[in-house]
Amino acid sequence: CNMNNPSKFLGQLEKEIMDVVWANSKQVTVREVFEIIGKKRKIAYTTVMTIMGRLAKKGLLKQEVSGKTYYYEAKYSKEKFLTKLSRQILKNLSSSFGDVAIASFTQELEKIPPERKSKLLKILKKSNKL
């Protein structure tokens, strides 16, 4: 499973919305997200609004209200989200399958080519600082 692809863990529309939010350095409104996604697919404004509300309830978006307008921003960077997601998946595997899961994971790590191991170690060092 490719952890750089959050659509395995978010619905397709949730992922599209999060990608728009992650791509913006400022807060976004439902209208702004709706207009960006609307260029790629036919979608209702209320659908985008509903999904963004759900993402806020899930703790992925921060929601702020000013007057009648809701402003959203990502609670975590995409990298931090993927790190948290990875840790949760490993924790779930370990609690569901115990030592067998850890042993299998270790065996898979041994199969990784050296250049990829080097890259993974850099990611691990960086994620420990998050």
Protein backbone atom coordinates (compact mmCIF):
# COMPACT_ATOMS: atom_id res chain seq x y z
CA CYS A 1 0.00 0.00 0.00
CA ASN A 2 1.37 3.39 -0.98
CA MET A 3 1.20 5.72 2.02
CA ASN A 4 1.66 8.72 -0.26
CA ASN A 5 -1.83 8.00 -1.56
CA PRO A 6 -4.28 9.02 1.16
CA SER A 7 -7.24 8.01 -1.05
CA LYS A 8 -6.88 4.50 0.35
CA PHE A 9 -7.87 5.93 3.74
CA LEU A 10 -9.98 8.91 2.74
CA GLY A 11 -12.85 8.81 0.32
CA GLN A 12 -12.00 10.05 -3.19
CA LEU A 13 -13.82 13.35 -2.68
CA GLU A 14 -12.31 13.76 0.80
CA LYS A 15 -8.86 13.32 -0.72
CA GLU A 16 -9.57 15.83 -3.49
CA ILE A 17 -10.75 18.38 -0.94
CA MET A 18 -7.75 17.78 1.32
CA ASP A 19 -5.41 18.14 -1.67
CA VAL A 20 -6.94 21.56 -2.43
CA VAL A 21 -6.63 22.59 1.22
CA TRP A 22 -3.04 21.29 1.48
CA ALA A 23 -2.13 23.16 -1.72
CA ASN A 24 -3.26 26.49 -0.21
CA SER A 25 -1.10 28.30 2.30
CA LYS A 26 -4.08 30.28 3.58
CA GLN A 27 -7.51 29.42 4.89
CA VAL A 28 -10.03 28.45 2.22
CA THR A 29 -13.79 28.70 1.96
CA VAL A 30 -16.19 26.06 0.71
CA ARG A 31 -16.80 28.25 -2.36
CA GLU A 32 -13.07 28.35 -3.22
CA VAL A 33 -12.73 24.57 -2.88
CA PHE A 34 -15.97 24.05 -4.81
CA GLU A 35 -14.71 26.23 -7.70
CA ILE A 36 -11.37 24.39 -7.90
CA ILE A 37 -12.91 20.90 -7.81
CA GLY A 38 -15.73 22.04 -10.13
CA LYS A 39 -13.18 22.59 -12.89
CA LYS A 40 -12.39 18.86 -12.88
CA ARG A 41 -15.80 17.34 -12.21
CA LYS A 42 -19.47 18.15 -11.90
CA ILE A 43 -20.28 18.53 -8.22
CA ALA A 44 -22.82 20.30 -6.03
CA TYR A 45 -21.73 23.10 -3.70
CA THR A 46 -23.66 21.44 -0.86
CA THR A 47 -21.72 18.20 -1.36
CA VAL A 48 -18.39 20.02 -0.91
CA MET A 49 -19.81 21.82 2.14
CA THR A 50 -20.98 18.54 3.70
CA ILE A 51 -17.67 16.75 3.11
CA MET A 52 -15.66 19.68 4.51
CA GLY A 53 -17.87 19.63 7.61
CA ARG A 54 -17.20 15.90 8.00
CA LEU A 55 -13.44 16.43 7.58
CA ALA A 56 -13.63 19.03 10.36
CA LYS A 57 -15.49 16.55 12.61
CA LYS A 58 -12.83 13.92 11.83
CA GLY A 59 -10.20 16.40 13.03
CA LEU A 60 -8.50 16.88 9.65
CA LEU A 61 -9.70 20.44 9.07
CA LYS A 62 -9.87 23.39 11.44
CA GLN A 63 -13.09 25.33 10.98
CA GLU A 64 -13.46 29.01 11.78
CA VAL A 65 -16.58 31.14 11.35
CA SER A 66 -16.54 34.81 10.47
CA GLY A 67 -20.01 36.24 9.93
CA LYS A 68 -21.79 33.72 7.70
CA THR A 69 -18.57 32.40 6.11
CA TYR A 70 -16.77 29.27 7.25
CA TYR A 71 -13.01 29.20 6.76
CA TYR A 72 -11.04 25.98 6.73
CA GLU A 73 -7.41 25.01 6.97
CA ALA A 74 -5.63 21.69 7.37
CA LYS A 75 -5.01 20.68 10.95
CA TYR A 76 -1.91 18.77 9.81
CA SER A 77 0.43 19.05 6.84
CA LYS A 78 0.02 16.22 4.34
CA GLU A 79 3.33 14.76 5.54
CA LYS A 80 2.28 14.83 9.18
CA PHE A 81 -1.12 13.34 8.28
CA LEU A 82 0.59 10.45 6.45
CA THR A 83 2.96 9.94 9.38
CA LYS A 84 0.08 9.80 11.87
CA LEU A 85 -1.88 7.50 9.54
CA SER A 86 1.11 5.17 9.13
CA ARG A 87 1.61 4.94 12.87
CA GLN A 88 -2.07 4.19 13.42
CA ILE A 89 -2.05 1.45 10.76
CA LEU A 90 1.02 -0.17 12.33
CA LYS A 91 -0.54 0.07 15.79
CA ASN A 92 -3.75 -1.53 14.49
CA LEU A 93 -1.79 -4.34 12.80
CA SER A 94 0.17 -4.97 15.96
CA SER A 95 -2.91 -5.04 18.19
CA SER A 96 -4.87 -7.21 15.73
CA PHE A 97 -2.14 -9.66 14.75
CA GLY A 98 0.48 -9.28 17.52
CA ASP A 99 4.03 -10.52 17.03
CA VAL A 100 3.18 -12.15 13.70
CA ALA A 101 2.53 -8.70 12.19
CA ILE A 102 5.78 -7.28 13.58
CA ALA A 103 7.78 -10.29 12.33
CA SER A 104 6.19 -10.03 8.87
CA PHE A 105 6.88 -6.29 8.74
CA THR A 106 10.52 -6.91 9.70
CA GLN A 107 10.85 -9.54 6.95
CA GLU A 108 9.49 -7.06 4.39
CA LEU A 109 11.98 -4.42 5.56
CA GLU A 110 14.85 -6.84 4.89
CA LYS A 111 13.77 -7.11 1.23
CA ILE A 112 14.07 -3.36 0.59
CA PRO A 113 17.00 -2.32 -1.67
CA PRO A 114 19.78 -0.35 0.13
CA GLU A 115 19.10 2.96 -1.67
CA ARG A 116 15.45 2.82 -0.63
CA LYS A 117 16.44 1.94 2.96
CA SER A 118 18.59 5.06 3.01
CA LYS A 119 15.64 7.17 1.83
CA LEU A 120 13.35 5.58 4.43
CA LEU A 121 15.85 6.30 7.22
CA LYS A 122 15.85 9.98 6.22
CA ILE A 123 12.03 10.01 6.35
CA LEU A 124 12.12 8.29 9.75
CA LYS A 125 14.56 10.85 11.17
CA LYS A 126 12.43 13.67 9.80
CA SER A 127 9.14 12.19 11.08
CA ASN A 128 10.59 11.80 14.58
CA LYS A 129 10.99 15.58 14.62
CA LEU A 130 7.30 16.17 13.71
